[in-house]
Amino acid sequence: MHKTLIITILFISSNLAAQSPKVSTAQGSVIGYTESGINIFKPYPLLHHQSVLYAGRAPQDPVPWTGDKVTSEFSASPMQREPKPFSCWTEEFIAPPSPLSEDCLYLNVWTKPDGKRNLSSCGSMAEALIPVQQLVRSMRESIMRSRVSYL
């Protein structure tokens, strides 16, 4: 029983690892995931989170890491009052009320798996306004769709 369970877990994890896109960056390796034929990396560290403390100076690069950084969940939203629906913006169009953090300088990337050349880009912070996977899949050429939140 235990051998079967261990073999099953190893098989599933090796299949998941084989399907996970991995890229090398100046700071370290990043592992994303694939959904509906689109490679997704969220969140990728864009800047060192203390860059906001140095207004008027050049932003600082993220701190390098060792090993693989798994990027599969959105990062925290920037510190703000509790987001509430207003005007035509109903709850599905606004940021979730938590988590909030000053450590919010991340890049979310969606791209086709064949993205090995220079790519066009487009973006919006409003996830619900544009169905990202549909947008990327519908493009004839590969694109990189990114979201940046930096105050």
C-alpha atoms as a PDB file:
ATOM      1  CA  MET A   1       0.000   0.000   0.000  1.00  0.00           C
ATOM      2  CA  HIS A   2       2.720   2.462   0.991  1.00  0.00           C
ATOM      3  CA  LYS A   3       4.796   1.606  -2.090  1.00  0.00           C
ATOM      4  CA  THR A   4       1.807   2.247  -4.359  1.00  0.00           C
ATOM      5  CA  LEU A   5       1.111   5.563  -2.656  1.00  0.00           C
ATOM      6  CA  ILE A   6       4.756   6.660  -2.927  1.00  0.00           C
ATOM      7  CA  ILE A   7       4.956   5.646  -6.590  1.00  0.00           C
ATOM      8  CA  THR A   8       1.699   7.506  -7.328  1.00  0.00           C
ATOM      9  CA  ILE A   9       2.953  10.655  -5.584  1.00  0.00           C
ATOM     10  CA  LEU A  10       6.285  10.486  -7.442  1.00  0.00           C
ATOM     11  CA  PHE A  11       4.489   9.971 -10.769  1.00  0.00           C
ATOM     12  CA  ILE A  12       2.135  12.913 -10.194  1.00  0.00           C
ATOM     13  CA  SER A  13       4.903  15.231  -8.998  1.00  0.00           C
ATOM     14  CA  SER A  14       7.194  14.292 -11.900  1.00  0.00           C
ATOM     15  CA  ASN A  15       4.363  15.000 -14.363  1.00  0.00           C
ATOM     16  CA  LEU A  16       3.661  18.340 -12.696  1.00  0.00           C
ATOM     17  CA  ALA A  17       7.353  19.234 -12.749  1.00  0.00           C
ATOM     18  CA  ALA A  18       7.586  18.299 -16.439  1.00  0.00           C
ATOM     19  CA  GLN A  19       4.665  20.615 -17.231  1.00  0.00           C
ATOM     20  CA  SER A  20       5.912  23.566 -15.193  1.00  0.00           C
ATOM     21  CA  PRO A  21       7.700  26.221 -17.258  1.00  0.00           C
ATOM     22  CA  LYS A  22      11.048  27.299 -15.818  1.00  0.00           C
ATOM     23  CA  VAL A  23      13.068  30.373 -16.735  1.00  0.00           C
ATOM     24  CA  SER A  24      16.403  31.706 -15.528  1.00  0.00           C
ATOM     25  CA  THR A  25      16.648  35.337 -14.478  1.00  0.00           C
ATOM     26  CA  ALA A  26      19.442  37.531 -13.129  1.00  0.00           C
ATOM     27  CA  GLN A  27      18.145  36.876  -9.594  1.00  0.00           C
ATOM     28  CA  GLY A  28      17.539  33.106  -9.875  1.00  0.00           C
ATOM     29  CA  SER A  29      15.327  30.413 -11.407  1.00  0.00           C
ATOM     30  CA  VAL A  30      11.571  30.935 -11.615  1.00  0.00           C
ATOM     31  CA  ILE A  31       9.007  28.154 -12.004  1.00  0.00           C
ATOM     32  CA  GLY A  32       5.526  29.037 -13.215  1.00  0.00           C
ATOM     33  CA  TYR A  33       2.642  26.886 -14.333  1.00  0.00           C
ATOM     34  CA  THR A  34       0.709  26.226 -17.528  1.00  0.00           C
ATOM     35  CA  GLU A  35      -3.038  26.743 -17.779  1.00  0.00           C
ATOM     36  CA  SER A  36      -5.022  26.327 -21.011  1.00  0.00           C
ATOM     37  CA  GLY A  37      -1.799  26.362 -23.043  1.00  0.00           C
ATOM     38  CA  ILE A  38      -0.509  29.608 -21.485  1.00  0.00           C
ATOM     39  CA  ASN A  39       2.618  29.852 -19.305  1.00  0.00           C
ATOM     40  CA  ILE A  40       1.914  31.906 -16.183  1.00  0.00           C
ATOM     41  CA  PHE A  41       4.412  33.363 -13.712  1.00  0.00           C
ATOM     42  CA  LYS A  42       2.829  35.202 -10.776  1.00  0.00           C
ATOM     43  CA  PRO A  43       4.315  36.930  -8.938  1.00  0.00           C
ATOM     44  CA  TYR A  44       7.830  37.549 -10.250  1.00  0.00           C
ATOM     45  CA  PRO A  45       9.796  39.978  -8.028  1.00  0.00           C
ATOM     46  CA  LEU A  46      10.091  43.208 -10.015  1.00  0.00           C
ATOM     47  CA  LEU A  47      11.931  45.417  -7.515  1.00  0.00           C
ATOM     48  CA  HIS A  48      13.261  45.162  -3.995  1.00  0.00           C
ATOM     49  CA  HIS A  49      10.275  45.879  -1.742  1.00  0.00           C
ATOM     50  CA  GLN A  50      12.123  48.646   0.099  1.00  0.00           C
ATOM     51  CA  SER A  51      12.498  50.617  -3.155  1.00  0.00           C
ATOM     52  CA  VAL A  52       9.398  52.567  -2.127  1.00  0.00           C
ATOM     53  CA  LEU A  53      11.375  53.973   0.807  1.00  0.00           C
ATOM     54  CA  TYR A  54      13.853  55.618  -1.540  1.00  0.00           C
ATOM     55  CA  ALA A  55      11.616  58.050  -3.416  1.00  0.00           C
ATOM     56  CA  GLY A  56      13.590  60.057  -5.942  1.00  0.00           C
ATOM     57  CA  ARG A  57      16.294  57.389  -6.269  1.00  0.00           C
ATOM     58  CA  ALA A  58      16.623  54.564  -8.754  1.00  0.00           C
ATOM     59  CA  PRO A  59      14.645  51.449  -7.740  1.00  0.00           C
ATOM     60  CA  GLN A  60      16.691  48.558  -6.369  1.00  0.00           C
ATOM     61  CA  ASP A  61      16.790  45.116  -7.985  1.00  0.00           C
ATOM     62  CA  PRO A  62      15.164  42.247  -6.084  1.00  0.00           C
ATOM     63  CA  VAL A  63      17.399  40.269  -3.754  1.00  0.00           C
ATOM     64  CA  PRO A  64      18.819  37.206  -5.590  1.00  0.00           C
ATOM     65  CA  TRP A  65      17.695  33.782  -4.369  1.00  0.00           C
ATOM     66  CA  THR A  66      19.051  30.263  -4.553  1.00  0.00           C
ATOM     67  CA  GLY A  67      17.019  27.344  -5.785  1.00  0.00           C
ATOM     68  CA  ASP A  68      13.771  27.680  -7.701  1.00  0.00           C
ATOM     69  CA  LYS A  69      11.191  30.351  -6.870  1.00  0.00           C
ATOM     70  CA  VAL A  70       7.696  28.951  -7.475  1.00  0.00           C
ATOM     71  CA  THR A  71       5.405  31.640  -8.893  1.00  0.00           C
ATOM     72  CA  SER A  72       1.827  30.407  -8.836  1.00  0.00           C
ATOM     73  CA  GLU A  73      -0.208  32.794  -6.648  1.00  0.00           C
ATOM     74  CA  PHE A  74      -0.813  36.534  -6.837  1.00  0.00           C
ATOM     75  CA  SER A  75       1.206  38.632  -4.411  1.00  0.00           C
ATOM     76  CA  ALA A  76      -0.348  40.893  -1.808  1.00  0.00           C
ATOM     77  CA  SER A  77      -2.003  44.124  -2.924  1.00  0.00           C
ATOM     78  CA  PRO A  78      -0.385  47.443  -1.951  1.00  0.00           C
ATOM     79  CA  MET A  79      -1.319  48.984   1.397  1.00  0.00           C
ATOM     80  CA  GLN A  80      -4.605  50.860   1.000  1.00  0.00           C
ATOM     81  CA  ARG A  81      -7.983  51.429   2.566  1.00  0.00           C
ATOM     82  CA  GLU A  82     -10.261  48.428   2.340  1.00  0.00           C
ATOM     83  CA  PRO A  83     -11.343  48.178  -1.313  1.00  0.00           C
ATOM     84  CA  LYS A  84     -15.127  48.501  -1.669  1.00  0.00           C
ATOM     85  CA  PRO A  85     -17.421  48.503  -4.701  1.00  0.00           C
ATOM     86  CA  PHE A  86     -18.238  51.953  -6.076  1.00  0.00           C
ATOM     87  CA  SER A  87     -20.015  53.396  -9.097  1.00  0.00           C
ATOM     88  CA  CYS A  88     -19.974  50.751 -11.845  1.00  0.00           C
ATOM     89  CA  TRP A  89     -17.113  48.807 -10.213  1.00  0.00           C
ATOM     90  CA  THR A  90     -18.663  45.794  -8.509  1.00  0.00           C
ATOM     91  CA  GLU A  91     -16.771  43.468  -6.191  1.00  0.00           C
ATOM     92  CA  GLU A  92     -15.338  41.229  -8.941  1.00  0.00           C
ATOM     93  CA  PHE A  93     -13.512  44.233 -10.442  1.00  0.00           C
ATOM     94  CA  ILE A  94     -11.714  45.441  -7.321  1.00  0.00           C
ATOM     95  CA  ALA A  95      -8.742  44.149  -5.343  1.00  0.00           C
ATOM     96  CA  PRO A  96      -9.414  41.569  -2.648  1.00  0.00           C
ATOM     97  CA  PRO A  97      -9.428  43.128   0.842  1.00  0.00           C
ATOM     98  CA  SER A  98      -6.441  41.019   1.917  1.00  0.00           C
ATOM     99  CA  PRO A  99      -3.604  40.293   1.942  1.00  0.00           C
ATOM    100  CA  LEU A 100      -2.137  43.796   1.895  1.00  0.00           C
ATOM    101  CA  SER A 101       1.582  44.487   2.167  1.00  0.00           C
ATOM    102  CA  GLU A 102       4.262  47.054   1.443  1.00  0.00           C
ATOM    103  CA  ASP A 103       6.073  44.155  -0.237  1.00  0.00           C
ATOM    104  CA  CYS A 104       3.992  44.361  -3.423  1.00  0.00           C
ATOM    105  CA  LEU A 105       6.458  45.158  -6.214  1.00  0.00           C
ATOM    106  CA  TYR A 106       5.875  42.140  -8.425  1.00  0.00           C
ATOM    107  CA  LEU A 107       5.327  41.388 -12.090  1.00  0.00           C
ATOM    108  CA  ASN A 108       2.702  38.869 -13.248  1.00  0.00           C
ATOM    109  CA  VAL A 109       3.440  37.375 -16.679  1.00  0.00           C
ATOM    110  CA  TRP A 110       1.293  35.355 -19.105  1.00  0.00           C
ATOM    111  CA  THR A 111       2.916  34.130 -22.319  1.00  0.00           C
ATOM    112  CA  LYS A 112       2.639  31.385 -24.913  1.00  0.00           C
ATOM    113  CA  PRO A 113       5.082  28.497 -24.419  1.00  0.00           C
ATOM    114  CA  ASP A 114       6.830  29.282 -27.727  1.00  0.00           C
ATOM    115  CA  GLY A 115       7.888  32.750 -26.517  1.00  0.00           C
ATOM    116  CA  LYS A 116      11.586  32.488 -27.399  1.00  0.00           C
ATOM    117  CA  ARG A 117      11.841  35.769 -29.285  1.00  0.00           C
ATOM    118  CA  ASN A 118      11.218  39.433 -28.562  1.00  0.00           C
ATOM    119  CA  LEU A 119       7.560  39.812 -27.650  1.00  0.00           C
ATOM    120  CA  SER A 120       5.003  42.559 -27.827  1.00  0.00           C
ATOM    121  CA  SER A 121       3.361  43.344 -24.511  1.00  0.00           C
ATOM    122  CA  CYS A 122       0.101  44.714 -23.210  1.00  0.00           C
ATOM    123  CA  GLY A 123      -1.362  45.002 -19.779  1.00  0.00           C
ATOM    124  CA  SER A 124      -3.820  46.175 -17.208  1.00  0.00           C
ATOM    125  CA  MET A 125      -4.069  45.665 -13.479  1.00  0.00           C
ATOM    126  CA  ALA A 126      -7.765  44.795 -13.859  1.00  0.00           C
ATOM    127  CA  GLU A 127      -7.682  40.998 -14.060  1.00  0.00           C
ATOM    128  CA  ALA A 128     -11.465  40.650 -14.375  1.00  0.00           C
ATOM    129  CA  LEU A 129     -11.722  43.167 -17.220  1.00  0.00           C
ATOM    130  CA  ILE A 130      -9.672  41.103 -19.651  1.00  0.00           C
ATOM    131  CA  PRO A 131      -9.754  37.292 -19.627  1.00  0.00           C
ATOM    132  CA  VAL A 132      -5.987  36.916 -19.801  1.00  0.00           C
ATOM    133  CA  GLN A 133      -5.672  33.364 -21.119  1.00  0.00           C
ATOM    134  CA  GLN A 134      -8.218  34.100 -23.861  1.00  0.00           C
ATOM    135  CA  LEU A 135      -6.349  37.269 -24.826  1.00  0.00           C
ATOM    136  CA  VAL A 136      -2.971  35.530 -25.079  1.00  0.00           C
ATOM    137  CA  ARG A 137      -4.394  32.475 -26.898  1.00  0.00           C
ATOM    138  CA  SER A 138      -6.208  34.623 -29.470  1.00  0.00           C
ATOM    139  CA  MET A 139      -3.107  36.499 -30.615  1.00  0.00           C
ATOM    140  CA  ARG A 140      -1.551  35.305 -33.869  1.00  0.00           C
ATOM    141  CA  GLU A 141       1.890  36.289 -32.685  1.00  0.00           C
ATOM    142  CA  SER A 142       3.247  35.486 -29.267  1.00  0.00           C
ATOM    143  CA  ILE A 143       2.842  38.237 -26.733  1.00  0.00           C
ATOM    144  CA  MET A 144       3.762  38.759 -23.146  1.00  0.00           C
ATOM    145  CA  ARG A 145       0.926  40.122 -21.047  1.00  0.00           C
ATOM    146  CA  SER A 146       2.083  41.628 -17.785  1.00  0.00           C
ATOM    147  CA  ARG A 147       0.609  43.349 -14.757  1.00  0.00           C
ATOM    148  CA  VAL A 148       2.631  45.782 -12.678  1.00  0.00           C
ATOM    149  CA  SER A 149       1.565  47.427  -9.445  1.00  0.00           C
ATOM    150  CA  TYR A 150       3.952  50.145  -8.311  1.00  0.00           C
ATOM    151  CA  LEU A 151       2.921  53.273  -6.452  1.00  0.00           C
END
